Amino acid sequence: MKDHVYKILELAGSSDQSIEDAIQNAIARAKTTIRDMRWFEVVQTRGHIENGIVDHYQVTLKVGFTLESS
């Protein structure tokens, strides 16, 4: 089994559709500049209420990616 070392960063994603879309939006945007993402953990979920209905979702994620070998 190969040993892994991960760097962990925090992202916030948002969506007016769903929590799942907010997660996907954060990861999709991060993959344009971050390589080798391996896992995520949702650490916080928030939303915005407008006129008594949910208008927007926001999630905070911890994302782990492997460090490159030297």
PDB file of N, CA and C in Angstrom:
ATOM      1  N   MET A   1       0.836  -1.189   0.000  1.00  0.00           N
ATOM      2  CA  MET A   1       0.000   0.000   0.000  1.00  0.00           C
ATOM      3  C   MET A   1       0.875   1.244   0.000  1.00  0.00           C
ATOM      4  N   LYS A   2       0.560   2.169  -0.858  1.00  0.00           N
ATOM      5  CA  LYS A   2       1.317   3.403  -0.986  1.00  0.00           C
ATOM      6  C   LYS A   2       0.895   4.388   0.110  1.00  0.00           C
ATOM      7  N   ASP A   3       1.886   5.024   0.754  1.00  0.00           N
ATOM      8  CA  ASP A   3       1.585   6.040   1.756  1.00  0.00           C
ATOM      9  C   ASP A   3       1.214   7.338   1.054  1.00  0.00           C
ATOM     10  N   HIS A   4       0.247   8.044   1.604  1.00  0.00           N
ATOM     11  CA  HIS A   4      -0.199   9.310   1.029  1.00  0.00           C
ATOM     12  C   HIS A   4      -0.059  10.427   2.048  1.00  0.00           C
ATOM     13  N   VAL A   5       0.295  11.589   1.575  1.00  0.00           N
ATOM     14  CA  VAL A   5       0.285  12.798   2.379  1.00  0.00           C
ATOM     15  C   VAL A   5      -0.648  13.762   1.669  1.00  0.00           C
ATOM     16  N   TYR A   6      -1.581  14.323   2.416  1.00  0.00           N
ATOM     17  CA  TYR A   6      -2.580  15.211   1.834  1.00  0.00           C
ATOM     18  C   TYR A   6      -2.417  16.633   2.344  1.00  0.00           C
ATOM     19  N   LYS A   7      -2.655  17.563   1.480  1.00  0.00           N
ATOM     20  CA  LYS A   7      -2.829  18.957   1.849  1.00  0.00           C
ATOM     21  C   LYS A   7      -4.334  19.163   1.923  1.00  0.00           C
ATOM     22  N   ILE A   8      -4.803  19.863   2.950  1.00  0.00           N
ATOM     23  CA  ILE A   8      -6.229  20.103   3.119  1.00  0.00           C
ATOM     24  C   ILE A   8      -6.503  21.589   2.964  1.00  0.00           C
ATOM     25  N   LEU A   9      -7.480  21.895   2.121  1.00  0.00           N
ATOM     26  CA  LEU A   9      -7.881  23.286   1.959  1.00  0.00           C
ATOM     27  C   LEU A   9      -9.377  23.404   2.165  1.00  0.00           C
ATOM     28  N   GLU A  10      -9.834  24.617   2.362  1.00  0.00           N
ATOM     29  CA  GLU A  10     -11.248  24.848   2.605  1.00  0.00           C
ATOM     30  C   GLU A  10     -11.829  25.639   1.442  1.00  0.00           C
ATOM     31  N   LEU A  11     -12.988  25.198   0.978  1.00  0.00           N
ATOM     32  CA  LEU A  11     -13.695  25.853  -0.124  1.00  0.00           C
ATOM     33  C   LEU A  11     -15.120  26.161   0.311  1.00  0.00           C
ATOM     34  N   ALA A  12     -15.708  27.171  -0.271  1.00  0.00           N
ATOM     35  CA  ALA A  12     -17.134  27.442  -0.094  1.00  0.00           C
ATOM     36  C   ALA A  12     -17.765  27.457  -1.475  1.00  0.00           C
ATOM     37  N   GLY A  13     -18.801  26.645  -1.641  1.00  0.00           N
ATOM     38  CA  GLY A  13     -19.521  26.593  -2.914  1.00  0.00           C
ATOM     39  C   GLY A  13     -20.955  27.034  -2.702  1.00  0.00           C
ATOM     40  N   SER A  14     -21.577  27.552  -3.753  1.00  0.00           N
ATOM     41  CA  SER A  14     -22.958  28.000  -3.620  1.00  0.00           C
ATOM     42  C   SER A  14     -23.772  27.605  -4.849  1.00  0.00           C
ATOM     43  N   SER A  15     -25.086  27.578  -4.645  1.00  0.00           N
ATOM     44  CA  SER A  15     -26.008  27.244  -5.723  1.00  0.00           C
ATOM     45  C   SER A  15     -27.403  27.724  -5.341  1.00  0.00           C
ATOM     46  N   ASP A  16     -28.176  28.103  -6.336  1.00  0.00           N
ATOM     47  CA  ASP A  16     -29.579  28.426  -6.062  1.00  0.00           C
ATOM     48  C   ASP A  16     -30.474  27.205  -6.282  1.00  0.00           C
ATOM     49  N   GLN A  17     -29.859  26.049  -6.612  1.00  0.00           N
ATOM     50  CA  GLN A  17     -30.625  24.830  -6.881  1.00  0.00           C
ATOM     51  C   GLN A  17     -30.646  23.851  -5.703  1.00  0.00           C
ATOM     52  N   SER A  18     -29.448  23.490  -5.162  1.00  0.00           N
ATOM     53  CA  SER A  18     -29.392  22.468  -4.121  1.00  0.00           C
ATOM     54  C   SER A  18     -28.035  22.470  -3.427  1.00  0.00           C
ATOM     55  N   ILE A  19     -27.978  21.752  -2.308  1.00  0.00           N
ATOM     56  CA  ILE A  19     -26.722  21.561  -1.598  1.00  0.00           C
ATOM     57  C   ILE A  19     -25.752  20.776  -2.466  1.00  0.00           C
ATOM     58  N   GLU A  20     -26.264  19.740  -3.140  1.00  0.00           N
ATOM     59  CA  GLU A  20     -25.418  18.924  -4.014  1.00  0.00           C
ATOM     60  C   GLU A  20     -24.795  19.757  -5.131  1.00  0.00           C
ATOM     61  N   ASP A  21     -25.575  20.651  -5.713  1.00  0.00           N
ATOM     62  CA  ASP A  21     -25.031  21.534  -6.752  1.00  0.00           C
ATOM     63  C   ASP A  21     -23.970  22.468  -6.182  1.00  0.00           C
ATOM     64  N   ALA A  22     -24.159  22.925  -4.958  1.00  0.00           N
ATOM     65  CA  ALA A  22     -23.164  23.794  -4.325  1.00  0.00           C
ATOM     66  C   ALA A  22     -21.844  23.052  -4.158  1.00  0.00           C
ATOM     67  N   ILE A  23     -21.913  21.773  -3.771  1.00  0.00           N
ATOM     68  CA  ILE A  23     -20.703  20.947  -3.645  1.00  0.00           C
ATOM     69  C   ILE A  23     -20.046  20.792  -5.012  1.00  0.00           C
ATOM     70  N   GLN A  24     -20.823  20.418  -6.009  1.00  0.00           N
ATOM     71  CA  GLN A  24     -20.284  20.225  -7.363  1.00  0.00           C
ATOM     72  C   GLN A  24     -19.670  21.514  -7.906  1.00  0.00           C
ATOM     73  N   ASN A  25     -20.303  22.647  -7.660  1.00  0.00           N
ATOM     74  CA  ASN A  25     -19.773  23.928  -8.137  1.00  0.00           C
ATOM     75  C   ASN A  25     -18.417  24.237  -7.523  1.00  0.00           C
ATOM     76  N   ALA A  26     -18.278  23.977  -6.221  1.00  0.00           N
ATOM     77  CA  ALA A  26     -16.996  24.241  -5.552  1.00  0.00           C
ATOM     78  C   ALA A  26     -15.899  23.350  -6.119  1.00  0.00           C
ATOM     79  N   ILE A  27     -16.184  22.066  -6.272  1.00  0.00           N
ATOM     80  CA  ILE A  27     -15.175  21.125  -6.761  1.00  0.00           C
ATOM     81  C   ILE A  27     -14.846  21.382  -8.227  1.00  0.00           C
ATOM     82  N   ALA A  28     -15.854  21.676  -9.031  1.00  0.00           N
ATOM     83  CA  ALA A  28     -15.616  21.945 -10.458  1.00  0.00           C
ATOM     84  C   ALA A  28     -14.723  23.170 -10.646  1.00  0.00           C
ATOM     85  N   ARG A  29     -14.955  24.193  -9.850  1.00  0.00           N
ATOM     86  CA  ARG A  29     -14.129  25.404  -9.972  1.00  0.00           C
ATOM     87  C   ARG A  29     -12.711  25.134  -9.477  1.00  0.00           C
ATOM     88  N   ALA A  30     -12.578  24.403  -8.370  1.00  0.00           N
ATOM     89  CA  ALA A  30     -11.262  24.127  -7.800  1.00  0.00           C
ATOM     90  C   ALA A  30     -10.415  23.267  -8.727  1.00  0.00           C
ATOM     91  N   LYS A  31     -11.031  22.357  -9.469  1.00  0.00           N
ATOM     92  CA  LYS A  31     -10.240  21.448 -10.310  1.00  0.00           C
ATOM     93  C   LYS A  31      -9.532  22.174 -11.452  1.00  0.00           C
ATOM     94  N   THR A  32      -9.899  23.420 -11.722  1.00  0.00           N
ATOM     95  CA  THR A  32      -9.203  24.175 -12.769  1.00  0.00           C
ATOM     96  C   THR A  32      -7.801  24.586 -12.334  1.00  0.00           C
ATOM     97  N   THR A  33      -7.556  24.606 -11.007  1.00  0.00           N
ATOM     98  CA  THR A  33      -6.226  25.019 -10.526  1.00  0.00           C
ATOM     99  C   THR A  33      -5.596  24.039  -9.542  1.00  0.00           C
ATOM    100  N   ILE A  34      -6.360  23.071  -9.058  1.00  0.00           N
ATOM    101  CA  ILE A  34      -5.840  22.129  -8.063  1.00  0.00           C
ATOM    102  C   ILE A  34      -5.864  20.726  -8.649  1.00  0.00           C
ATOM    103  N   ARG A  35      -4.699  20.069  -8.612  1.00  0.00           N
ATOM    104  CA  ARG A  35      -4.604  18.692  -9.127  1.00  0.00           C
ATOM    105  C   ARG A  35      -4.729  17.683  -8.000  1.00  0.00           C
ATOM    106  N   ASP A  36      -5.095  16.484  -8.368  1.00  0.00           N
ATOM    107  CA  ASP A  36      -5.079  15.323  -7.470  1.00  0.00           C
ATOM    108  C   ASP A  36      -5.971  15.450  -6.244  1.00  0.00           C
ATOM    109  N   MET A  37      -7.140  16.107  -6.404  1.00  0.00           N
ATOM    110  CA  MET A  37      -8.102  16.119  -5.302  1.00  0.00           C
ATOM    111  C   MET A  37      -8.607  14.693  -5.103  1.00  0.00           C
ATOM    112  N   ARG A  38      -8.696  14.251  -3.843  1.00  0.00           N
ATOM    113  CA  ARG A  38      -9.053  12.868  -3.549  1.00  0.00           C
ATOM    114  C   ARG A  38     -10.315  12.714  -2.719  1.00  0.00           C
ATOM    115  N   TRP A  39     -10.623  13.667  -1.859  1.00  0.00           N
ATOM    116  CA  TRP A  39     -11.791  13.525  -0.998  1.00  0.00           C
ATOM    117  C   TRP A  39     -12.286  14.891  -0.552  1.00  0.00           C
ATOM    118  N   PHE A  40     -13.519  14.912  -0.050  1.00  0.00           N
ATOM    119  CA  PHE A  40     -14.054  16.137   0.542  1.00  0.00           C
ATOM    120  C   PHE A  40     -14.911  15.780   1.753  1.00  0.00           C
ATOM    121  N   GLU A  41     -15.067  16.764   2.619  1.00  0.00           N
ATOM    122  CA  GLU A  41     -15.924  16.644   3.794  1.00  0.00           C
ATOM    123  C   GLU A  41     -16.726  17.930   3.909  1.00  0.00           C
ATOM    124  N   VAL A  42     -18.028  17.823   4.010  1.00  0.00           N
ATOM    125  CA  VAL A  42     -18.865  18.999   4.217  1.00  0.00           C
ATOM    126  C   VAL A  42     -18.795  19.352   5.699  1.00  0.00           C
ATOM    127  N   VAL A  43     -18.329  20.559   5.993  1.00  0.00           N
ATOM    128  CA  VAL A  43     -18.169  20.959   7.386  1.00  0.00           C
ATOM    129  C   VAL A  43     -19.205  21.984   7.824  1.00  0.00           C
ATOM    130  N   GLN A  44     -19.878  22.602   6.856  1.00  0.00           N
ATOM    131  CA  GLN A  44     -20.900  23.581   7.215  1.00  0.00           C
ATOM    132  C   GLN A  44     -21.874  23.734   6.058  1.00  0.00           C
ATOM    133  N   THR A  45     -23.143  23.866   6.392  1.00  0.00           N
ATOM    134  CA  THR A  45     -24.178  24.098   5.389  1.00  0.00           C
ATOM    135  C   THR A  45     -24.979  25.322   5.824  1.00  0.00           C
ATOM    136  N   ARG A  46     -25.177  26.230   4.897  1.00  0.00           N
ATOM    137  CA  ARG A  46     -25.935  27.451   5.164  1.00  0.00           C
ATOM    138  C   ARG A  46     -26.902  27.691   4.020  1.00  0.00           C
ATOM    139  N   GLY A  47     -27.814  28.594   4.247  1.00  0.00           N
ATOM    140  CA  GLY A  47     -28.725  28.987   3.181  1.00  0.00           C
ATOM    141  C   GLY A  47     -29.226  30.403   3.391  1.00  0.00           C
ATOM    142  N   HIS A  48     -29.791  30.929   2.348  1.00  0.00           N
ATOM    143  CA  HIS A  48     -30.369  32.273   2.375  1.00  0.00           C
ATOM    144  C   HIS A  48     -31.871  32.132   2.155  1.00  0.00           C
ATOM    145  N   ILE A  49     -32.647  32.798   2.987  1.00  0.00           N
ATOM    146  CA  ILE A  49     -34.107  32.747   2.881  1.00  0.00           C
ATOM    147  C   ILE A  49     -34.598  34.082   2.330  1.00  0.00           C
ATOM    148  N   GLU A  50     -35.444  34.003   1.333  1.00  0.00           N
ATOM    149  CA  GLU A  50     -36.034  35.197   0.729  1.00  0.00           C
ATOM    150  C   GLU A  50     -37.552  35.002   0.678  1.00  0.00           C
ATOM    151  N   ASN A  51     -38.283  35.896   1.300  1.00  0.00           N
ATOM    152  CA  ASN A  51     -39.750  35.824   1.323  1.00  0.00           C
ATOM    153  C   ASN A  51     -40.261  34.479   1.824  1.00  0.00           C
ATOM    154  N   GLY A  52     -39.603  33.943   2.836  1.00  0.00           N
ATOM    155  CA  GLY A  52     -40.054  32.720   3.466  1.00  0.00           C
ATOM    156  C   GLY A  52     -39.710  31.426   2.752  1.00  0.00           C
ATOM    157  N   ILE A  53     -38.902  31.501   1.686  1.00  0.00           N
ATOM    158  CA  ILE A  53     -38.484  30.278   0.991  1.00  0.00           C
ATOM    159  C   ILE A  53     -36.959  30.268   0.830  1.00  0.00           C
ATOM    160  N   VAL A  54     -36.411  29.068   0.703  1.00  0.00           N
ATOM    161  CA  VAL A  54     -34.963  28.942   0.512  1.00  0.00           C
ATOM    162  C   VAL A  54     -34.617  29.494  -0.866  1.00  0.00           C
ATOM    163  N   ASP A  55     -33.711  30.457  -0.874  1.00  0.00           N
ATOM    164  CA  ASP A  55     -33.328  31.125  -2.116  1.00  0.00           C
ATOM    165  C   ASP A  55     -31.958  30.677  -2.608  1.00  0.00           C
ATOM    166  N   HIS A  56     -31.076  30.292  -1.681  1.00  0.00           N
ATOM    167  CA  HIS A  56     -29.694  30.007  -2.060  1.00  0.00           C
ATOM    168  C   HIS A  56     -29.069  29.082  -1.022  1.00  0.00           C
ATOM    169  N   TYR A  57     -28.208  28.170  -1.478  1.00  0.00           N
ATOM    170  CA  TYR A  57     -27.510  27.231  -0.604  1.00  0.00           C
ATOM    171  C   TYR A  57     -26.017  27.533  -0.651  1.00  0.00           C
ATOM    172  N   GLN A  58     -25.351  27.355   0.479  1.00  0.00           N
ATOM    173  CA  GLN A  58     -23.899  27.493   0.525  1.00  0.00           C
ATOM    174  C   GLN A  58     -23.332  26.405   1.431  1.00  0.00           C
ATOM    175  N   VAL A  59     -22.274  25.763   0.972  1.00  0.00           N
ATOM    176  CA  VAL A  59     -21.599  24.735   1.766  1.00  0.00           C
ATOM    177  C   VAL A  59     -20.122  25.080   1.893  1.00  0.00           C
ATOM    178  N   THR A  60     -19.559  24.735   3.036  1.00  0.00           N
ATOM    179  CA  THR A  60     -18.124  24.844   3.242  1.00  0.00           C
ATOM    180  C   THR A  60     -17.574  23.426   3.247  1.00  0.00           C
ATOM    181  N   LEU A  61     -16.540  23.206   2.448  1.00  0.00           N
ATOM    182  CA  LEU A  61     -15.939  21.882   2.295  1.00  0.00           C
ATOM    183  C   LEU A  61     -14.485  21.910   2.716  1.00  0.00           C
ATOM    184  N   LYS A  62     -14.025  20.823   3.307  1.00  0.00           N
ATOM    185  CA  LYS A  62     -12.601  20.557   3.424  1.00  0.00           C
ATOM    186  C   LYS A  62     -12.285  19.590   2.293  1.00  0.00           C
ATOM    187  N   VAL A  63     -11.276  19.922   1.515  1.00  0.00           N
ATOM    188  CA  VAL A  63     -10.893  19.106   0.361  1.00  0.00           C
ATOM    189  C   VAL A  63      -9.455  18.662   0.548  1.00  0.00           C
ATOM    190  N   GLY A  64      -9.207  17.364   0.363  1.00  0.00           N
ATOM    191  CA  GLY A  64      -7.855  16.834   0.467  1.00  0.00           C
ATOM    192  C   GLY A  64      -7.302  16.492  -0.904  1.00  0.00           C
ATOM    193  N   PHE A  65      -6.079  16.899  -1.133  1.00  0.00           N
ATOM    194  CA  PHE A  65      -5.411  16.517  -2.381  1.00  0.00           C
ATOM    195  C   PHE A  65      -4.003  16.033  -2.055  1.00  0.00           C
ATOM    196  N   THR A  66      -3.513  15.121  -2.875  1.00  0.00           N
ATOM    197  CA  THR A  66      -2.192  14.541  -2.605  1.00  0.00           C
ATOM    198  C   THR A  66      -1.099  15.504  -3.009  1.00  0.00           C
ATOM    199  N   LEU A  67      -0.042  15.505  -2.212  1.00  0.00           N
ATOM    200  CA  LEU A  67       1.127  16.314  -2.528  1.00  0.00           C
ATOM    201  C   LEU A  67       1.998  15.565  -3.519  1.00  0.00           C
ATOM    202  N   GLU A  68       2.597  16.307  -4.417  1.00  0.00           N
ATOM    203  CA  GLU A  68       3.486  15.697  -5.397  1.00  0.00           C
ATOM    204  C   GLU A  68       4.788  15.270  -4.740  1.00  0.00           C
ATOM    205  N   SER A  69       5.336  14.174  -5.200  1.00  0.00           N
ATOM    206  CA  SER A  69       6.626  13.704  -4.692  1.00  0.00           C
ATOM    207  C   SER A  69       7.741  14.578  -5.224  1.00  0.00           C
ATOM    208  N   SER A  70       8.769  14.732  -4.429  1.00  0.00           N
ATOM    209  CA  SER A  70       9.897  15.575  -4.879  1.00  0.00           C
ATOM    210  C   SER A  70      10.893  14.763  -5.664  1.00  0.00           C
TER     211      SER A  70
END
